[in-house]
N, C-alpha and C. Protein backbone atom coordinates (compact mmCIF):
# COMPACT_ATOMS: atom_id res chain seq x y z
N UNK A 1 0.79 -0.77 -0.04
CA UNK A 1 0.23 -0.10 -0.20
C UNK A 1 1.03 1.14 -0.02
N UNK A 2 0.65 2.38 -0.51
CA UNK A 2 1.56 3.03 -0.80
C UNK A 2 0.42 4.20 -0.30
N UNK A 3 1.04 4.96 0.92
CA UNK A 3 0.48 5.67 1.69
C UNK A 3 0.16 6.79 0.79
N UNK A 4 1.23 7.55 0.77
CA UNK A 4 1.25 9.58 -0.25
C UNK A 4 -0.07 8.69 -1.51
N UNK A 5 -0.39 7.69 -1.92
CA UNK A 5 -0.87 7.76 -3.03
C UNK A 5 -2.06 7.46 -2.58
N UNK A 6 -2.29 6.72 -1.36
CA UNK A 6 -3.86 6.73 -0.71
C UNK A 6 -4.69 8.01 0.19
N UNK A 7 -3.26 8.89 0.27
CA UNK A 7 -3.78 10.55 0.84
C UNK A 7 -3.59 11.40 0.08
N UNK A 8 -3.47 11.22 -1.30
CA UNK A 8 -3.68 12.29 -2.04
C UNK A 8 -5.22 10.95 -3.19
N UNK A 9 -5.17 10.56 -3.19
CA UNK A 9 -6.99 9.65 -4.08
C UNK A 9 -7.38 10.11 -2.79
N UNK A 10 -7.27 10.12 -1.36
CA UNK A 10 -8.71 10.90 -1.06
C UNK A 10 -9.20 12.47 -0.38
N UNK A 11 -7.73 12.97 -0.89
CA UNK A 11 -8.40 14.48 -0.63
C UNK A 11 -8.41 14.66 -2.85
N UNK A 12 -8.35 14.30 -2.95
CA UNK A 12 -8.73 13.94 -4.53
C UNK A 12 -10.40 13.91 -4.62
N UNK A 13 -10.55 12.86 -3.92
CA UNK A 13 -11.54 12.69 -4.13
C UNK A 13 -12.55 13.11 -3.14
N UNK A 14 -12.22 13.75 -1.93
CA UNK A 14 -12.94 14.90 -1.07
C UNK A 14 -13.24 16.43 -2.16
N UNK A 15 -12.31 16.36 -2.29
CA UNK A 15 -12.46 17.58 -4.06
C UNK A 15 -12.96 17.95 -5.04
N UNK A 16 -13.07 16.82 -5.69
CA UNK A 16 -13.40 16.51 -6.71
C UNK A 16 -14.56 17.38 -7.54
N UNK A 17 -14.38 17.90 -8.54
CA UNK A 17 -16.07 18.36 -9.58
C UNK A 17 -15.93 17.80 -10.45
N UNK A 18 -17.60 18.09 -11.30
CA UNK A 18 -17.31 17.08 -12.48
C UNK A 18 -18.53 18.30 -12.87
N UNK A 19 -18.43 19.17 -14.16
CA UNK A 19 -19.05 20.15 -14.62
C UNK A 19 -20.03 19.71 -16.00
N UNK A 20 -21.12 19.90 -15.97
CA UNK A 20 -22.09 19.73 -17.16
C UNK A 20 -20.93 18.97 -18.84
N UNK A 21 -20.23 19.95 -19.07
CA UNK A 21 -19.14 20.28 -20.23
C UNK A 21 -18.82 18.65 -19.97
N UNK A 22 -18.23 17.93 -18.64
CA UNK A 22 -17.57 17.11 -18.39
C UNK A 22 -18.15 15.60 -19.09
N UNK A 23 -19.41 16.34 -17.94
CA UNK A 23 -20.37 15.04 -18.26
C UNK A 23 -20.93 14.74 -19.75
N UNK A 24 -20.70 15.74 -20.79
CA UNK A 24 -21.60 15.46 -21.98
C UNK A 24 -20.18 15.30 -22.50
N UNK A 25 -19.11 15.86 -22.35
CA UNK A 25 -17.68 14.11 -23.40
C UNK A 25 -18.09 12.77 -22.54
N UNK A 26 -18.84 12.93 -21.09
CA UNK A 26 -18.96 11.10 -20.76
C UNK A 26 -19.77 10.38 -21.80
N UNK A 27 -21.23 11.36 -21.92
CA UNK A 27 -21.93 10.83 -23.16
C UNK A 27 -21.61 10.74 -23.98
N UNK A 28 -21.47 11.46 -25.20
CA UNK A 28 -20.15 11.37 -26.56
C UNK A 28 -19.73 9.58 -26.66
N UNK A 29 -19.37 8.54 -25.40
CA UNK A 29 -18.36 8.05 -25.64
C UNK A 29 -19.75 6.57 -24.85
N UNK A 30 -20.96 7.17 -24.70
CA UNK A 30 -21.54 6.12 -24.27
C UNK A 30 -23.09 5.90 -24.95
N UNK A 31 -23.36 4.54 -24.87
CA UNK A 31 -24.44 4.54 -26.01
C UNK A 31 -25.84 5.31 -24.58
N UNK A 32 -26.98 5.58 -24.83
CA UNK A 32 -28.07 6.86 -24.74
C UNK A 32 -28.50 5.99 -23.44
N UNK A 33 -28.67 5.01 -23.32
CA UNK A 33 -29.09 4.44 -21.75
C UNK A 33 -28.06 4.57 -20.89
N UNK A 34 -26.66 4.13 -21.18
CA UNK A 34 -25.72 3.99 -20.26
C UNK A 34 -25.67 5.54 -19.87
N UNK A 35 -25.89 6.43 -19.99
CA UNK A 35 -25.33 7.84 -19.76
C UNK A 35 -26.14 7.64 -17.84
N UNK A 36 -26.99 7.33 -17.74
CA UNK A 36 -27.04 7.25 -17.06
C UNK A 36 -26.62 6.35 -15.62
N UNK A 37 -25.88 5.59 -16.17
CA UNK A 37 -25.33 5.17 -14.86
C UNK A 37 -23.91 6.14 -14.61
N UNK A 38 -23.82 6.43 -16.12
CA UNK A 38 -22.33 7.68 -15.53
C UNK A 38 -22.54 8.41 -14.79
N UNK A 39 -23.59 8.96 -14.83
CA UNK A 39 -24.44 9.89 -14.14
C UNK A 39 -25.15 9.58 -12.75
N UNK A 40 -25.08 8.60 -12.01
CA UNK A 40 -25.49 7.80 -11.42
C UNK A 40 -24.76 7.70 -10.22
N UNK A 41 -23.33 7.55 -11.12
CA UNK A 41 -21.77 8.02 -10.20
C UNK A 41 -21.62 8.89 -9.51
N UNK A 42 -21.10 8.52 -8.08
CA UNK A 42 -20.86 10.10 -7.24
C UNK A 42 -20.14 11.11 -8.48
N UNK A 43 -19.90 12.09 -7.51
CA UNK A 43 -18.97 12.99 -8.51
C UNK A 43 -17.31 12.92 -8.24
N UNK A 44 -16.77 12.15 -7.32
CA UNK A 44 -16.09 11.46 -7.34
C UNK A 44 -15.56 10.36 -7.93
N UNK A 45 -16.28 9.72 -8.17
CA UNK A 45 -16.40 7.92 -9.43
C UNK A 45 -16.08 9.02 -10.54
N UNK A 46 -17.25 10.19 -11.09
CA UNK A 46 -17.54 10.35 -12.30
C UNK A 46 -16.13 10.80 -13.34
N UNK A 47 -15.21 12.04 -11.68
CA UNK A 47 -14.17 12.96 -12.03
C UNK A 47 -12.69 11.32 -12.30
N UNK A 48 -12.52 10.59 -11.89
CA UNK A 48 -11.92 9.64 -11.52
C UNK A 48 -12.09 8.52 -12.73
N UNK A 49 -13.24 8.16 -13.25
CA UNK A 49 -13.87 7.81 -14.67
C UNK A 49 -13.09 9.04 -16.11
N UNK A 50 -13.59 10.03 -16.01
CA UNK A 50 -12.96 10.96 -16.41
C UNK A 50 -11.86 10.94 -17.15
N UNK A 51 -10.79 10.96 -15.46
CA UNK A 51 -9.64 10.78 -15.74
C UNK A 51 -8.62 9.75 -16.76
N UNK A 52 -8.93 8.61 -16.42
CA UNK A 52 -8.96 7.34 -16.75
C UNK A 52 -9.35 7.28 -18.76
N UNK A 53 -10.51 8.37 -18.51
CA UNK A 53 -10.99 8.09 -20.23
C UNK A 53 -9.91 8.95 -21.22
N UNK A 54 -9.87 10.63 -20.23
CA UNK A 54 -9.07 11.26 -21.12
C UNK A 54 -7.34 10.67 -21.08
N UNK A 55 -6.96 9.86 -19.80
CA UNK A 55 -5.61 9.44 -19.82
C UNK A 55 -5.51 8.51 -21.03
N UNK A 56 -6.71 7.74 -21.75
CA UNK A 56 -6.40 6.69 -23.08
C UNK A 56 -6.73 7.80 -23.47
N UNK A 57 -6.96 8.27 -24.66
CA UNK A 57 -6.83 9.52 -25.41
C UNK A 57 -6.00 9.92 -25.94
N UNK A 58 -5.71 10.23 -24.80
CA UNK A 58 -4.29 11.10 -24.50
C UNK A 58 -3.08 10.03 -25.38
N UNK A 59 -3.14 9.17 -24.57
CA UNK A 59 -1.99 7.68 -24.98
C UNK A 59 -2.88 7.91 -26.79
N UNK A 60 -3.38 7.90 -27.71
CA UNK A 60 -3.83 7.53 -28.76
C UNK A 60 -4.88 6.48 -28.74
N UNK A 61 -5.34 6.11 -27.60
CA UNK A 61 -6.31 4.74 -27.89
C UNK A 61 -8.12 5.85 -28.21
N UNK A 62 -8.56 5.31 -29.22
CA UNK A 62 -9.73 5.30 -29.51
C UNK A 62 -10.83 4.34 -29.89
N UNK A 63 -10.36 3.09 -28.88
CA UNK A 63 -11.71 2.36 -29.09
C UNK A 63 -12.89 2.55 -28.42
N UNK A 64 -13.76 2.09 -29.44
CA UNK A 64 -14.87 2.72 -28.26
C UNK A 64 -15.62 2.14 -27.05
N UNK A 65 -15.11 1.02 -27.03
CA UNK A 65 -15.46 -0.46 -26.42
C UNK A 65 -14.73 -0.18 -24.76
N UNK A 66 -13.71 0.30 -24.98
CA UNK A 66 -12.34 0.86 -24.36
C UNK A 66 -12.71 2.04 -23.24
N UNK A 67 -12.98 3.02 -24.01
CA UNK A 67 -13.37 4.37 -23.23
C UNK A 67 -14.76 4.36 -23.08
N UNK A 68 -15.49 3.24 -23.35
CA UNK A 68 -17.30 3.30 -22.11
C UNK A 68 -16.71 2.73 -21.38
N UNK A 69 -16.02 1.63 -21.76
CA UNK A 69 -15.16 0.76 -20.32
C UNK A 69 -14.99 1.54 -19.08
N UNK A 70 -13.61 2.45 -19.72
CA UNK A 70 -12.49 3.56 -18.62
C UNK A 70 -14.26 4.50 -17.69
N UNK A 71 -14.82 4.61 -18.56
CA UNK A 71 -16.34 5.39 -17.73
C UNK A 71 -17.25 4.51 -16.92
N UNK A 72 -17.54 3.68 -17.44
CA UNK A 72 -18.04 2.87 -16.40
C UNK A 72 -17.86 2.07 -15.55
N UNK A 73 -16.42 1.82 -15.73
CA UNK A 73 -15.26 0.26 -14.88
C UNK A 73 -16.06 0.53 -13.46
N UNK A 74 -15.98 1.81 -12.63
CA UNK A 74 -16.59 1.89 -10.95
C UNK A 74 -18.20 2.35 -11.33
N UNK A 75 -18.83 2.08 -12.16
CA UNK A 75 -20.21 2.33 -11.31
C UNK A 75 -20.94 0.80 -11.31
N UNK A 76 -20.28 0.24 -10.94
CA UNK A 76 -21.01 -0.76 -9.83
C UNK A 76 -20.91 0.18 -8.16
N UNK A 77 -19.99 0.53 -8.32
CA UNK A 77 -20.02 1.26 -6.58
C UNK A 77 -20.96 1.69 -6.15
N UNK A 78 -21.63 2.47 -7.06
CA UNK A 78 -22.91 3.28 -6.94
C UNK A 78 -23.87 2.04 -6.54
N UNK A 79 -23.73 0.61 -5.73
CA UNK A 79 -24.79 -0.19 -5.47
C UNK A 79 -25.26 0.51 -4.63
N UNK A 80 -24.05 1.17 -3.64
CA UNK A 80 -24.01 1.09 -1.93
C UNK A 80 -23.94 2.87 -1.83
N UNK A 81 -24.04 3.55 -0.98
CA UNK A 81 -23.21 4.67 -0.48
C UNK A 81 -22.39 4.56 0.34
N UNK A 82 -21.00 5.35 -0.92
CA UNK A 82 -19.58 4.47 -0.69
C UNK A 82 -19.09 6.09 -0.57
N UNK A 83 -18.41 6.27 1.15
CA UNK A 83 -17.74 7.60 1.21
C UNK A 83 -16.14 7.46 0.61
N UNK A 84 -15.54 8.28 0.42
CA UNK A 84 -13.84 8.31 0.72
C UNK A 84 -13.80 7.46 1.52
N UNK A 85 -13.94 8.35 3.01
CA UNK A 85 -13.20 7.16 3.86
C UNK A 85 -14.04 5.53 4.23
N UNK A 86 -15.22 5.28 3.43
CA UNK A 86 -15.52 3.54 3.63
C UNK A 86 -14.75 3.05 2.60
N UNK A 87 -14.08 3.70 1.83
CA UNK A 87 -13.13 3.17 0.22
C UNK A 87 -12.02 3.13 0.87
N UNK A 88 -11.48 3.87 1.89
CA UNK A 88 -10.03 3.06 2.50
C UNK A 88 -10.29 2.31 3.20
N UNK A 89 -11.43 2.72 4.45
CA UNK A 89 -11.77 1.49 5.46
C UNK A 89 -11.42 -0.21 4.15
N UNK A 90 -11.87 -0.13 3.09
CA UNK A 90 -11.23 -1.45 2.18
C UNK A 90 -10.45 -1.18 1.86
N UNK A 91 -9.77 -0.59 1.48
CA UNK A 91 -8.63 -0.76 0.94
C UNK A 91 -7.47 -1.62 1.67
N UNK A 92 -7.51 -1.02 2.90
CA UNK A 92 -7.12 -1.50 4.06
C UNK A 92 -7.72 -2.74 4.34
N UNK A 93 -8.40 -2.71 4.46
CA UNK A 93 -8.82 -4.68 4.88
C UNK A 93 -8.96 -5.50 3.84
N UNK A 94 -8.48 -5.17 2.04
CA UNK A 94 -8.01 -5.89 1.13
C UNK A 94 -6.36 -6.24 1.50
N UNK A 95 -6.40 -5.54 2.03
CA UNK A 95 -4.78 -5.49 1.85
C UNK A 95 -4.18 -6.31 2.80
N UNK A 96 -5.06 -6.21 4.42
CA UNK A 96 -4.41 -6.16 5.67
C UNK A 96 -5.31 -7.86 6.44
N UNK A 97 -6.43 -7.23 5.92
CA UNK A 97 -7.45 -8.65 6.35
C UNK A 97 -7.89 -9.31 5.11
N UNK A 98 -7.84 -9.59 4.20
CA UNK A 98 -8.84 -10.24 2.71
C UNK A 98 -9.96 -10.98 3.56
N UNK A 99 -9.16 -12.55 4.05
CA UNK A 99 -10.70 -13.25 4.23
C UNK A 99 -11.22 -12.93 5.57
N UNK A 100 -10.85 -11.99 6.54
CA UNK A 100 -12.54 -10.58 6.74
C UNK A 100 -13.06 -10.14 5.61
N UNK A 101 -12.23 -9.54 4.88
CA UNK A 101 -13.38 -9.09 4.10
C UNK A 101 -13.99 -10.09 2.67
N UNK A 102 -13.51 -10.78 2.50
CA UNK A 102 -14.74 -11.63 2.14
C UNK A 102 -15.52 -12.75 2.32
N UNK A 103 -15.99 -12.48 4.05
CA UNK A 103 -16.95 -12.58 4.96
C UNK A 103 -17.84 -11.75 5.11
N UNK A 104 -17.26 -10.55 4.88
CA UNK A 104 -18.75 -9.55 5.38
C UNK A 104 -20.03 -9.79 4.54
N UNK A 105 -21.02 -10.09 5.29
CA UNK A 105 -22.66 -10.35 4.70
C UNK A 105 -23.25 -8.92 4.09
N UNK A 106 -23.64 -8.93 3.48
CA UNK A 106 -24.44 -7.80 2.65
C UNK A 106 -25.29 -7.53 3.00
N UNK A 107 -25.92 -6.91 4.56
CA UNK A 107 -26.01 -6.55 5.87
C UNK A 107 -25.72 -4.93 6.30
N UNK A 108 -26.65 -4.38 6.11
CA UNK A 108 -26.42 -3.27 7.42
C UNK A 108 -25.22 -2.38 6.97
N UNK A 109 -24.46 -2.17 8.11
CA UNK A 109 -23.38 -1.04 7.57
C UNK A 109 -22.39 -1.46 6.34
N UNK A 110 -21.93 -3.37 6.57
CA UNK A 110 -21.24 -3.52 5.86
C UNK A 110 -21.75 -4.08 4.07
N UNK A 111 -22.61 -3.34 3.58
CA UNK A 111 -23.18 -3.45 2.16
C UNK A 111 -22.34 -2.05 1.56
N UNK A 112 -22.09 -1.04 2.09
CA UNK A 112 -20.78 -0.75 1.14
C UNK A 112 -19.18 -1.28 1.07
N UNK A 113 -18.85 -2.04 1.90
CA UNK A 113 -17.82 -3.09 1.74
C UNK A 113 -18.01 -4.16 0.59
N UNK A 114 -19.22 -4.83 0.25
CA UNK A 114 -19.94 -5.70 -0.79
C UNK A 114 -19.86 -4.95 -1.50
N UNK A 115 -20.81 -3.75 -1.94
CA UNK A 115 -20.66 -3.17 -2.97
C UNK A 115 -18.87 -3.15 -3.92
N UNK A 116 -17.99 -2.37 -2.63
CA UNK A 116 -16.84 -2.28 -3.14
C UNK A 116 -15.98 -3.24 -4.24
N UNK A 117 -15.92 -4.53 -3.09
CA UNK A 117 -15.85 -6.16 -3.32
C UNK A 117 -16.46 -7.08 -4.85
N UNK A 118 -17.89 -6.16 -5.04
CA UNK A 118 -18.58 -6.84 -5.77
C UNK A 118 -18.84 -5.80 -7.05
N UNK A 119 -18.08 -4.31 -7.12
CA UNK A 119 -18.37 -3.71 -7.61
C UNK A 119 -18.25 -4.20 -9.46
N UNK A 120 -17.29 -4.41 -9.60
CA UNK A 120 -16.53 -5.18 -11.14
C UNK A 120 -17.52 -6.07 -11.80
N UNK A 121 -18.44 -7.47 -10.60
CA UNK A 121 -19.89 -7.51 -11.69
C UNK A 121 -20.54 -7.00 -11.78
N UNK A 122 -21.12 -5.76 -10.33
CA UNK A 122 -22.62 -5.50 -10.13
C UNK A 122 -22.55 -4.15 -11.79
N UNK A 123 -20.95 -3.97 -11.80
CA UNK A 123 -21.10 -2.94 -12.96
C UNK A 123 -21.62 -3.48 -14.32
N UNK A 124 -20.96 -4.40 -14.35
CA UNK A 124 -21.08 -5.48 -15.74
C UNK A 124 -22.10 -5.86 -16.35
N UNK A 125 -23.25 -6.06 -15.39
CA UNK A 125 -24.81 -6.59 -15.35
C UNK A 125 -25.03 -5.27 -15.27
N UNK A 126 -24.91 -3.89 -14.85
CA UNK A 126 -25.74 -2.26 -15.38
C UNK A 126 -24.95 -2.46 -16.34
N UNK A 127 -23.98 -2.21 -16.98
CA UNK A 127 -23.75 -1.90 -18.37
C UNK A 127 -24.89 -2.87 -19.54
N UNK A 128 -24.44 -4.08 -19.07
CA UNK A 128 -25.43 -5.00 -20.45
C UNK A 128 -27.09 -4.49 -20.53
N UNK A 129 -27.74 -4.15 -19.15
CA UNK A 129 -29.13 -3.48 -19.39
C UNK A 129 -29.04 -3.09 -19.88
N UNK A 130 -28.00 -1.63 -19.51
CA UNK A 130 -27.78 0.05 -20.49
C UNK A 130 -26.85 -0.72 -21.27
N UNK A 131 -27.02 -1.82 -22.69
CA UNK A 131 -27.36 -1.30 -23.90
C UNK A 131 -25.80 -1.28 -24.45
N UNK A 132 -24.57 -1.84 -22.93
CA UNK A 132 -23.18 -1.84 -23.71
C UNK A 132 -23.12 -3.03 -25.17
N UNK A 133 -21.73 -2.89 -25.44
CA UNK A 133 -21.62 -3.63 -25.97
C UNK A 133 -21.21 -4.92 -25.05
N UNK A 134 -20.46 -6.33 -25.57
CA UNK A 134 -20.13 -7.43 -24.86
C UNK A 134 -18.32 -7.04 -24.39
N UNK A 135 -17.69 -6.19 -25.65
CA UNK A 135 -16.48 -6.30 -24.67
C UNK A 135 -15.87 -5.07 -23.71
N UNK A 136 -17.55 -4.15 -23.58
CA UNK A 136 -17.54 -3.01 -22.57
C UNK A 136 -17.72 -3.57 -21.84
N UNK A 137 -18.65 -4.41 -21.73
CA UNK A 137 -18.87 -5.67 -20.10
C UNK A 137 -18.22 -6.60 -19.91
N UNK A 138 -17.16 -7.12 -20.82
CA UNK A 138 -16.18 -7.89 -20.03
C UNK A 138 -14.70 -7.00 -19.78
N UNK A 139 -14.73 -6.03 -20.14
CA UNK A 139 -13.62 -4.92 -20.04
C UNK A 139 -14.37 -4.59 -18.50
N UNK A 140 -15.07 -4.64 -18.60
CA UNK A 140 -15.71 -3.74 -16.82
C UNK A 140 -15.98 -4.43 -15.65
N UNK A 141 -16.22 -6.56 -15.93
CA UNK A 141 -16.59 -7.19 -15.63
C UNK A 141 -14.90 -7.61 -14.48
N UNK A 142 -14.08 -8.00 -15.41
CA UNK A 142 -12.68 -7.78 -15.34
C UNK A 142 -11.51 -7.34 -14.98
N UNK A 143 -11.99 -5.77 -15.07
CA UNK A 143 -10.94 -5.23 -14.70
C UNK A 143 -10.33 -4.96 -13.35
N UNK A 144 -10.57 -6.21 -11.96
CA UNK A 144 -10.16 -5.49 -11.10
C UNK A 144 -9.25 -7.29 -10.91
N UNK A 145 -9.33 -7.86 -11.95
CA UNK A 145 -8.41 -9.03 -11.98
C UNK A 145 -7.52 -9.02 -12.40
N UNK A 146 -6.52 -9.94 -11.95
CA UNK A 146 -5.08 -9.77 -12.39
C UNK A 146 -5.18 -10.44 -13.84
N UNK A 147 -3.98 -10.41 -14.62
CA UNK A 147 -4.28 -10.83 -16.22
C UNK A 147 -2.48 -11.23 -16.49
N UNK A 148 -2.11 -13.09 -15.93
CA UNK A 148 -0.62 -13.07 -16.52
C UNK A 148 -0.50 -12.83 -17.81
N UNK A 149 -1.10 -13.48 -18.78
CA UNK A 149 -0.46 -13.60 -20.31
C UNK A 149 -1.85 -13.05 -21.04
N UNK A 150 -1.55 -12.45 -21.61
CA UNK A 150 -2.14 -11.57 -23.05
C UNK A 150 -2.31 -12.45 -24.17
N UNK A 151 -3.52 -13.11 -24.51
CA UNK A 151 -3.24 -14.18 -25.44
C UNK A 151 -4.10 -13.48 -25.66
N UNK A 152 -5.58 -12.45 -26.17
CA UNK A 152 -6.02 -11.94 -26.97
C UNK A 152 -6.47 -10.26 -27.34
N UNK A 153 -7.35 -10.01 -28.09
CA UNK A 153 -7.33 -8.22 -28.04
C UNK A 153 -7.72 -7.38 -26.85
N UNK A 154 -9.02 -8.92 -25.87
CA UNK A 154 -9.51 -8.53 -25.15
C UNK A 154 -8.44 -8.10 -23.77
N UNK A 155 -7.42 -9.37 -23.98
CA UNK A 155 -6.57 -9.48 -22.68
C UNK A 155 -5.90 -7.36 -22.68
N UNK A 156 -5.62 -7.68 -23.66
CA UNK A 156 -4.68 -6.20 -24.38
C UNK A 156 -5.22 -5.22 -23.64
N UNK A 157 -6.84 -4.17 -24.93
CA UNK A 157 -7.27 -3.61 -23.93
C UNK A 157 -7.49 -3.63 -22.60
N UNK A 158 -7.41 -5.00 -21.53
CA UNK A 158 -7.60 -4.87 -20.52
C UNK A 158 -7.10 -4.60 -19.75
N UNK A 159 -5.68 -4.57 -19.83
CA UNK A 159 -3.78 -4.25 -19.66
C UNK A 159 -4.21 -2.82 -19.60
N UNK A 160 -4.70 -2.35 -20.71
CA UNK A 160 -4.08 -0.67 -21.25
C UNK A 160 -5.07 -0.26 -20.64
N UNK A 161 -7.17 -0.69 -20.06
CA UNK A 161 -7.52 -0.23 -19.08
C UNK A 161 -7.28 -0.34 -17.62
N UNK A 162 -6.95 -1.44 -17.23
CA UNK A 162 -6.14 -1.11 -15.73
C UNK A 162 -4.85 -0.55 -15.40
N UNK A 163 -3.98 -0.07 -16.47
CA UNK A 163 -2.80 0.69 -16.08
C UNK A 163 -3.27 2.38 -15.83
N UNK A 164 -4.38 2.18 -17.04
CA UNK A 164 -4.68 3.95 -16.59
C UNK A 164 -5.37 3.70 -15.07
N UNK A 165 -6.09 2.66 -14.43
CA UNK A 165 -7.06 3.61 -13.82
C UNK A 165 -5.89 3.07 -12.73
N UNK A 166 -4.66 2.02 -12.64
CA UNK A 166 -3.61 2.46 -11.58
C UNK A 166 -3.41 3.19 -11.43
N UNK A 167 -3.67 4.26 -12.42
CA UNK A 167 -2.79 6.17 -12.57
C UNK A 167 -3.38 6.97 -12.41
N UNK A 168 -4.96 6.78 -12.01
CA UNK A 168 -5.95 7.67 -11.57
C UNK A 168 -6.30 7.50 -10.44
């Protein structure tokens, strides 16, 4: 765990700003039904997703499913009210007590931790229902997982998404 990075991430989440122009930029890369998924994300989540997407574009990536996945990869976190403090607790538990995190139930105060743990699959299902293509859905579903060998174009795009996500 990189403490300085996590402190910066926490402060960035607390001070995040997203304008209507930013949301319109996101809309241009999403199917019409999926735009609501982006807009239901908390402001810090939207800001993060926009940074990931913009980094990909600046690096020359124009693959539409990749850019849509960048914008929606954390949409599943909207399944519960997740504050920057909740996210910090999750990161610490994931790092120091992953077994305890895995045993948490989906009730009461623990629901945000479960949503954080399962957000990739939740978000992928929401993206599927919102009309995103299968590559976008798969990239969202897999974005938290490891990838040892790149054996397909999807794996290559996943690695690109993960790298941009990690930088933001």
